[in-house]
Amino acid sequence: MEAHDMVRMANQIADFFKGYGHDEAVKEIANHLNNYWDPRMRAHLFAHLAKGGEGLNPLIIEASANIRKPKADAA
């Protein structure tokens, strides 16, 4: 998966949940990514975050603290 595709999809999720209010949005973003993104997608997200997270919505960055990190062999 290309980084720009992952960023676009993550930001679409953030845009959907931003209407929930800040704290609820952060919680629901993490829940969504944990429940619907496979480990490889989450691995790409964490790799992108490790490089600075360029282009990611701040809600995604904040929610990342509650997103399950996949095992090292998921990427």
PDB file of N, CA and C in Angstrom:
ATOM      1  N   MET A   1       0.852  -1.179   0.000  1.00  0.00           N
ATOM      2  CA  MET A   1       0.000   0.000   0.000  1.00  0.00           C
ATOM      3  C   MET A   1       0.891   1.233   0.000  1.00  0.00           C
ATOM      4  N   GLU A   2       0.545   2.179  -0.812  1.00  0.00           N
ATOM      5  CA  GLU A   2       1.263   3.444  -0.876  1.00  0.00           C
ATOM      6  C   GLU A   2       0.898   4.304   0.333  1.00  0.00           C
ATOM      7  N   ALA A   3       1.868   5.055   0.823  1.00  0.00           N
ATOM      8  CA  ALA A   3       1.635   5.906   2.001  1.00  0.00           C
ATOM      9  C   ALA A   3       0.510   6.901   1.751  1.00  0.00           C
ATOM     10  N   HIS A   4       0.471   7.494   0.558  1.00  0.00           N
ATOM     11  CA  HIS A   4      -0.570   8.497   0.309  1.00  0.00           C
ATOM     12  C   HIS A   4      -1.972   7.883   0.322  1.00  0.00           C
ATOM     13  N   ASP A   5      -2.090   6.624  -0.081  1.00  0.00           N
ATOM     14  CA  ASP A   5      -3.395   5.950  -0.028  1.00  0.00           C
ATOM     15  C   ASP A   5      -3.812   5.698   1.416  1.00  0.00           C
ATOM     16  N   MET A   6      -2.849   5.251   2.232  1.00  0.00           N
ATOM     17  CA  MET A   6      -3.139   4.993   3.642  1.00  0.00           C
ATOM     18  C   MET A   6      -3.517   6.293   4.347  1.00  0.00           C
ATOM     19  N   VAL A   7      -2.784   7.379   4.063  1.00  0.00           N
ATOM     20  CA  VAL A   7      -3.078   8.682   4.668  1.00  0.00           C
ATOM     21  C   VAL A   7      -4.480   9.136   4.259  1.00  0.00           C
ATOM     22  N   ARG A   8      -4.806   8.989   2.997  1.00  0.00           N
ATOM     23  CA  ARG A   8      -6.132   9.401   2.502  1.00  0.00           C
ATOM     24  C   ARG A   8      -7.239   8.631   3.211  1.00  0.00           C
ATOM     25  N   MET A   9      -7.080   7.317   3.326  1.00  0.00           N
ATOM     26  CA  MET A   9      -8.110   6.500   3.983  1.00  0.00           C
ATOM     27  C   MET A   9      -8.228   6.843   5.467  1.00  0.00           C
ATOM     28  N   ALA A  10      -7.095   6.997   6.132  1.00  0.00           N
ATOM     29  CA  ALA A  10      -7.123   7.347   7.558  1.00  0.00           C
ATOM     30  C   ALA A  10      -7.797   8.698   7.757  1.00  0.00           C
ATOM     31  N   ASN A  11      -7.466   9.651   6.911  1.00  0.00           N
ATOM     32  CA  ASN A  11      -8.057  10.984   7.040  1.00  0.00           C
ATOM     33  C   ASN A  11      -9.557  10.977   6.741  1.00  0.00           C
ATOM     34  N   GLN A  12     -10.002  10.107   5.847  1.00  0.00           N
ATOM     35  CA  GLN A  12     -11.440   9.978   5.594  1.00  0.00           C
ATOM     36  C   GLN A  12     -12.152   9.483   6.852  1.00  0.00           C
ATOM     37  N   ILE A  13     -11.524   8.565   7.553  1.00  0.00           N
ATOM     38  CA  ILE A  13     -12.107   8.060   8.801  1.00  0.00           C
ATOM     39  C   ILE A  13     -12.163   9.181   9.832  1.00  0.00           C
ATOM     40  N   ALA A  14     -11.089   9.942   9.944  1.00  0.00           N
ATOM     41  CA  ALA A  14     -11.069  11.078  10.879  1.00  0.00           C
ATOM     42  C   ALA A  14     -12.144  12.090  10.519  1.00  0.00           C
ATOM     43  N   ASP A  15     -12.301  12.370   9.236  1.00  0.00           N
ATOM     44  CA  ASP A  15     -13.331  13.325   8.805  1.00  0.00           C
ATOM     45  C   ASP A  15     -14.727  12.836   9.175  1.00  0.00           C
ATOM     46  N   PHE A  16     -14.964  11.537   9.048  1.00  0.00           N
ATOM     47  CA  PHE A  16     -16.267  10.986   9.400  1.00  0.00           C
ATOM     48  C   PHE A  16     -16.561  11.176  10.881  1.00  0.00           C
ATOM     49  N   PHE A  17     -15.588  10.872  11.727  1.00  0.00           N
ATOM     50  CA  PHE A  17     -15.819  10.884  13.168  1.00  0.00           C
ATOM     51  C   PHE A  17     -15.643  12.254  13.821  1.00  0.00           C
ATOM     52  N   LYS A  18     -15.102  13.242  13.124  1.00  0.00           N
ATOM     53  CA  LYS A  18     -14.843  14.534  13.766  1.00  0.00           C
ATOM     54  C   LYS A  18     -16.115  15.197  14.283  1.00  0.00           C
ATOM     55  N   GLY A  19     -17.244  14.883  13.717  1.00  0.00           N
ATOM     56  CA  GLY A  19     -18.508  15.433  14.177  1.00  0.00           C
ATOM     57  C   GLY A  19     -18.971  14.865  15.518  1.00  0.00           C
ATOM     58  N   TYR A  20     -18.296  13.856  16.018  1.00  0.00           N
ATOM     59  CA  TYR A  20     -18.665  13.228  17.282  1.00  0.00           C
ATOM     60  C   TYR A  20     -18.167  14.010  18.495  1.00  0.00           C
ATOM     61  N   GLY A  21     -17.388  15.043  18.270  1.00  0.00           N
ATOM     62  CA  GLY A  21     -16.721  15.728  19.370  1.00  0.00           C
ATOM     63  C   GLY A  21     -15.348  15.106  19.554  1.00  0.00           C
ATOM     64  N   HIS A  22     -14.408  15.882  20.039  1.00  0.00           N
ATOM     65  CA  HIS A  22     -13.001  15.476  20.054  1.00  0.00           C
ATOM     66  C   HIS A  22     -12.751  14.132  20.732  1.00  0.00           C
ATOM     67  N   ASP A  23     -13.108  14.001  21.987  1.00  0.00           N
ATOM     68  CA  ASP A  23     -12.783  12.776  22.734  1.00  0.00           C
ATOM     69  C   ASP A  23     -13.463  11.546  22.147  1.00  0.00           C
ATOM     70  N   GLU A  24     -14.722  11.678  21.791  1.00  0.00           N
ATOM     71  CA  GLU A  24     -15.452  10.556  21.194  1.00  0.00           C
ATOM     72  C   GLU A  24     -14.868  10.209  19.828  1.00  0.00           C
ATOM     73  N   ALA A  25     -14.476  11.219  19.056  1.00  0.00           N
ATOM     74  CA  ALA A  25     -13.881  10.973  17.740  1.00  0.00           C
ATOM     75  C   ALA A  25     -12.589  10.171  17.873  1.00  0.00           C
ATOM     76  N   VAL A  26     -11.726  10.568  18.794  1.00  0.00           N
ATOM     77  CA  VAL A  26     -10.459   9.857  18.999  1.00  0.00           C
ATOM     78  C   VAL A  26     -10.729   8.399  19.368  1.00  0.00           C
ATOM     79  N   LYS A  27     -11.680   8.190  20.256  1.00  0.00           N
ATOM     80  CA  LYS A  27     -12.040   6.823  20.678  1.00  0.00           C
ATOM     81  C   LYS A  27     -12.579   6.007  19.503  1.00  0.00           C
ATOM     82  N   GLU A  28     -13.496   6.585  18.744  1.00  0.00           N
ATOM     83  CA  GLU A  28     -14.125   5.853  17.639  1.00  0.00           C
ATOM     84  C   GLU A  28     -13.160   5.602  16.486  1.00  0.00           C
ATOM     85  N   ILE A  29     -12.242   6.520  16.247  1.00  0.00           N
ATOM     86  CA  ILE A  29     -11.225   6.299  15.214  1.00  0.00           C
ATOM     87  C   ILE A  29     -10.384   5.087  15.583  1.00  0.00           C
ATOM     88  N   ALA A  30      -9.910   5.053  16.823  1.00  0.00           N
ATOM     89  CA  ALA A  30      -9.104   3.913  17.273  1.00  0.00           C
ATOM     90  C   ALA A  30      -9.915   2.617  17.169  1.00  0.00           C
ATOM     91  N   ASN A  31     -11.159   2.644  17.601  1.00  0.00           N
ATOM     92  CA  ASN A  31     -12.012   1.450  17.511  1.00  0.00           C
ATOM     93  C   ASN A  31     -12.159   0.992  16.066  1.00  0.00           C
ATOM     94  N   HIS A  32     -12.406   1.940  15.176  1.00  0.00           N
ATOM     95  CA  HIS A  32     -12.599   1.599  13.760  1.00  0.00           C
ATOM     96  C   HIS A  32     -11.342   0.960  13.181  1.00  0.00           C
ATOM     97  N   LEU A  33     -10.190   1.580  13.421  1.00  0.00           N
ATOM     98  CA  LEU A  33      -8.950   1.048  12.863  1.00  0.00           C
ATOM     99  C   LEU A  33      -8.610  -0.312  13.478  1.00  0.00           C
ATOM    100  N   ASN A  34      -8.881  -0.482  14.759  1.00  0.00           N
ATOM    101  CA  ASN A  34      -8.640  -1.777  15.397  1.00  0.00           C
ATOM    102  C   ASN A  34      -9.552  -2.866  14.838  1.00  0.00           C
ATOM    103  N   ASN A  35     -10.791  -2.508  14.555  1.00  0.00           N
ATOM    104  CA  ASN A  35     -11.774  -3.499  14.118  1.00  0.00           C
ATOM    105  C   ASN A  35     -11.768  -3.778  12.623  1.00  0.00           C
ATOM    106  N   TYR A  36     -11.397  -2.793  11.804  1.00  0.00           N
ATOM    107  CA  TYR A  36     -11.573  -2.939  10.362  1.00  0.00           C
ATOM    108  C   TYR A  36     -10.295  -2.875   9.540  1.00  0.00           C
ATOM    109  N   TRP A  37      -9.211  -2.398  10.105  1.00  0.00           N
ATOM    110  CA  TRP A  37      -7.950  -2.401   9.361  1.00  0.00           C
ATOM    111  C   TRP A  37      -7.179  -3.651   9.730  1.00  0.00           C
ATOM    112  N   ASP A  38      -6.722  -4.366   8.711  1.00  0.00           N
ATOM    113  CA  ASP A  38      -5.950  -5.570   9.016  1.00  0.00           C
ATOM    114  C   ASP A  38      -4.566  -5.172   9.536  1.00  0.00           C
ATOM    115  N   PRO A  39      -3.855  -6.119  10.128  1.00  0.00           N
ATOM    116  CA  PRO A  39      -2.559  -5.794  10.728  1.00  0.00           C
ATOM    117  C   PRO A  39      -1.576  -5.131   9.767  1.00  0.00           C
ATOM    118  N   ARG A  40      -1.606  -5.507   8.490  1.00  0.00           N
ATOM    119  CA  ARG A  40      -0.688  -4.882   7.531  1.00  0.00           C
ATOM    120  C   ARG A  40      -0.988  -3.400   7.362  1.00  0.00           C
ATOM    121  N   MET A  41      -2.264  -3.053   7.328  1.00  0.00           N
ATOM    122  CA  MET A  41      -2.633  -1.636   7.187  1.00  0.00           C
ATOM    123  C   MET A  41      -2.212  -0.850   8.427  1.00  0.00           C
ATOM    124  N   ARG A  42      -2.435  -1.438   9.604  1.00  0.00           N
ATOM    125  CA  ARG A  42      -2.015  -0.762  10.834  1.00  0.00           C
ATOM    126  C   ARG A  42      -0.497  -0.655  10.903  1.00  0.00           C
ATOM    127  N   ALA A  43       0.204  -1.664  10.398  1.00  0.00           N
ATOM    128  CA  ALA A  43       1.670  -1.603  10.360  1.00  0.00           C
ATOM    129  C   ALA A  43       2.129  -0.445   9.478  1.00  0.00           C
ATOM    130  N   HIS A  44       1.470  -0.257   8.334  1.00  0.00           N
ATOM    131  CA  HIS A  44       1.798   0.878   7.459  1.00  0.00           C
ATOM    132  C   HIS A  44       1.541   2.208   8.173  1.00  0.00           C
ATOM    133  N   LEU A  45       0.448   2.269   8.903  1.00  0.00           N
ATOM    134  CA  LEU A  45       0.129   3.488   9.645  1.00  0.00           C
ATOM    135  C   LEU A  45       1.221   3.784  10.665  1.00  0.00           C
ATOM    136  N   PHE A  46       1.616   2.796  11.441  1.00  0.00           N
ATOM    137  CA  PHE A  46       2.641   3.026  12.459  1.00  0.00           C
ATOM    138  C   PHE A  46       4.003   3.341  11.836  1.00  0.00           C
ATOM    139  N   ALA A  47       4.314   2.747  10.701  1.00  0.00           N
ATOM    140  CA  ALA A  47       5.568   3.073  10.014  1.00  0.00           C
ATOM    141  C   ALA A  47       5.544   4.526   9.554  1.00  0.00           C
ATOM    142  N   HIS A  48       4.401   4.963   9.056  1.00  0.00           N
ATOM    143  CA  HIS A  48       4.263   6.352   8.616  1.00  0.00           C
ATOM    144  C   HIS A  48       4.350   7.304   9.810  1.00  0.00           C
ATOM    145  N   LEU A  49       3.737   6.942  10.901  1.00  0.00           N
ATOM    146  CA  LEU A  49       3.825   7.760  12.116  1.00  0.00           C
ATOM    147  C   LEU A  49       5.267   7.860  12.605  1.00  0.00           C
ATOM    148  N   ALA A  50       6.013   6.769  12.498  1.00  0.00           N
ATOM    149  CA  ALA A  50       7.409   6.761  12.942  1.00  0.00           C
ATOM    150  C   ALA A  50       8.271   7.710  12.112  1.00  0.00           C
ATOM    151  N   LYS A  51       7.828   7.977  10.887  1.00  0.00           N
ATOM    152  CA  LYS A  51       8.546   8.907  10.004  1.00  0.00           C
ATOM    153  C   LYS A  51       8.027  10.332  10.142  1.00  0.00           C
ATOM    154  N   GLY A  52       7.147  10.571  11.104  1.00  0.00           N
ATOM    155  CA  GLY A  52       6.628  11.914  11.329  1.00  0.00           C
ATOM    156  C   GLY A  52       5.144  12.080  11.063  1.00  0.00           C
ATOM    157  N   GLY A  53       4.529  11.137  10.374  1.00  0.00           N
ATOM    158  CA  GLY A  53       3.087  11.179  10.149  1.00  0.00           C
ATOM    159  C   GLY A  53       2.620  12.262   9.195  1.00  0.00           C
ATOM    160  N   GLU A  54       3.463  12.632   8.253  1.00  0.00           N
ATOM    161  CA  GLU A  54       3.115  13.719   7.328  1.00  0.00           C
ATOM    162  C   GLU A  54       1.758  13.502   6.665  1.00  0.00           C
ATOM    163  N   GLY A  55       0.927  14.528   6.718  1.00  0.00           N
ATOM    164  CA  GLY A  55      -0.367  14.509   6.055  1.00  0.00           C
ATOM    165  C   GLY A  55      -1.503  13.919   6.870  1.00  0.00           C
ATOM    166  N   LEU A  56      -1.193  13.286   7.992  1.00  0.00           N
ATOM    167  CA  LEU A  56      -2.256  12.675   8.793  1.00  0.00           C
ATOM    168  C   LEU A  56      -3.009  13.723   9.604  1.00  0.00           C
ATOM    169  N   ASN A  57      -4.300  13.547   9.666  1.00  0.00           N
ATOM    170  CA  ASN A  57      -5.153  14.377  10.496  1.00  0.00           C
ATOM    171  C   ASN A  57      -4.696  14.229  11.952  1.00  0.00           C
ATOM    172  N   PRO A  58      -4.635  15.316  12.703  1.00  0.00           N
ATOM    173  CA  PRO A  58      -4.221  15.236  14.110  1.00  0.00           C
ATOM    174  C   PRO A  58      -5.059  14.256  14.941  1.00  0.00           C
ATOM    175  N   LEU A  59      -6.309  14.045  14.582  1.00  0.00           N
ATOM    176  CA  LEU A  59      -7.126  13.077  15.300  1.00  0.00           C
ATOM    177  C   LEU A  59      -6.583  11.652  15.139  1.00  0.00           C
ATOM    178  N   ILE A  60      -6.054  11.335  13.964  1.00  0.00           N
ATOM    179  CA  ILE A  60      -5.453  10.018  13.731  1.00  0.00           C
ATOM    180  C   ILE A  60      -4.213   9.860  14.597  1.00  0.00           C
ATOM    181  N   ILE A  61      -3.407  10.909  14.623  1.00  0.00           N
ATOM    182  CA  ILE A  61      -2.180  10.861  15.413  1.00  0.00           C
ATOM    183  C   ILE A  61      -2.510  10.643  16.885  1.00  0.00           C
ATOM    184  N   GLU A  62      -3.502  11.361  17.381  1.00  0.00           N
ATOM    185  CA  GLU A  62      -3.900  11.201  18.781  1.00  0.00           C
ATOM    186  C   GLU A  62      -4.489   9.815  19.039  1.00  0.00           C
ATOM    187  N   ALA A  63      -5.309   9.331  18.113  1.00  0.00           N
ATOM    188  CA  ALA A  63      -5.937   8.014  18.279  1.00  0.00           C
ATOM    189  C   ALA A  63      -4.915   6.889  18.238  1.00  0.00           C
ATOM    190  N   SER A  64      -3.768   7.128  17.627  1.00  0.00           N
ATOM    191  CA  SER A  64      -2.779   6.060  17.481  1.00  0.00           C
ATOM    192  C   SER A  64      -2.329   5.480  18.825  1.00  0.00           C
ATOM    193  N   ALA A  65      -2.453   6.250  19.894  1.00  0.00           N
ATOM    194  CA  ALA A  65      -2.097   5.740  21.220  1.00  0.00           C
ATOM    195  C   ALA A  65      -2.998   4.577  21.627  1.00  0.00           C
ATOM    196  N   ASN A  66      -4.182   4.462  21.026  1.00  0.00           N
ATOM    197  CA  ASN A  66      -5.137   3.415  21.371  1.00  0.00           C
ATOM    198  C   ASN A  66      -5.357   2.402  20.244  1.00  0.00           C
ATOM    199  N   ILE A  67      -4.520   2.483  19.223  1.00  0.00           N
ATOM    200  CA  ILE A  67      -4.615   1.532  18.116  1.00  0.00           C
ATOM    201  C   ILE A  67      -3.645   0.398  18.396  1.00  0.00           C
ATOM    202  N   ARG A  68      -4.138  -0.830  18.233  1.00  0.00           N
ATOM    203  CA  ARG A  68      -3.290  -1.996  18.473  1.00  0.00           C
ATOM    204  C   ARG A  68      -2.154  -2.058  17.459  1.00  0.00           C
ATOM    205  N   LYS A  69      -0.938  -2.198  17.977  1.00  0.00           N
ATOM    206  CA  LYS A  69       0.220  -2.348  17.107  1.00  0.00           C
ATOM    207  C   LYS A  69       0.309  -3.801  16.677  1.00  0.00           C
ATOM    208  N   PRO A  70       0.434  -4.014  15.372  1.00  0.00           N
ATOM    209  CA  PRO A  70       0.547  -5.400  14.897  1.00  0.00           C
ATOM    210  C   PRO A  70       1.924  -5.976  15.213  1.00  0.00           C
ATOM    211  N   LYS A  71       2.005  -7.267  15.142  1.00  0.00           N
ATOM    212  CA  LYS A  71       3.289  -7.942  15.328  1.00  0.00           C
ATOM    213  C   LYS A  71       4.247  -7.508  14.224  1.00  0.00           C
ATOM    214  N   ALA A  72       5.523  -7.599  14.494  1.00  0.00           N
ATOM    215  CA  ALA A  72       6.556  -7.112  13.585  1.00  0.00           C
ATOM    216  C   ALA A  72       6.479  -7.753  12.200  1.00  0.00           C
ATOM    217  N   ASP A  73       5.983  -8.977  12.084  1.00  0.00           N
ATOM    218  CA  ASP A  73       5.951  -9.653  10.797  1.00  0.00           C
ATOM    219  C   ASP A  73       4.708  -9.328   9.975  1.00  0.00           C
ATOM    220  N   ALA A  74       3.873  -8.380  10.430  1.00  0.00           N
ATOM    221  CA  ALA A  74       2.638  -8.048   9.723  1.00  0.00           C
ATOM    222  C   ALA A  74       2.883  -7.228   8.469  1.00  0.00           C
ATOM    223  N   ALA A  75       3.963  -6.465   8.430  1.00  0.00           N
ATOM    224  CA  ALA A  75       4.204  -5.577   7.281  1.00  0.00           C
ATOM    225  C   ALA A  75       4.700  -6.292   6.109  1.00  0.00           C
TER     226      ALA A  75
END
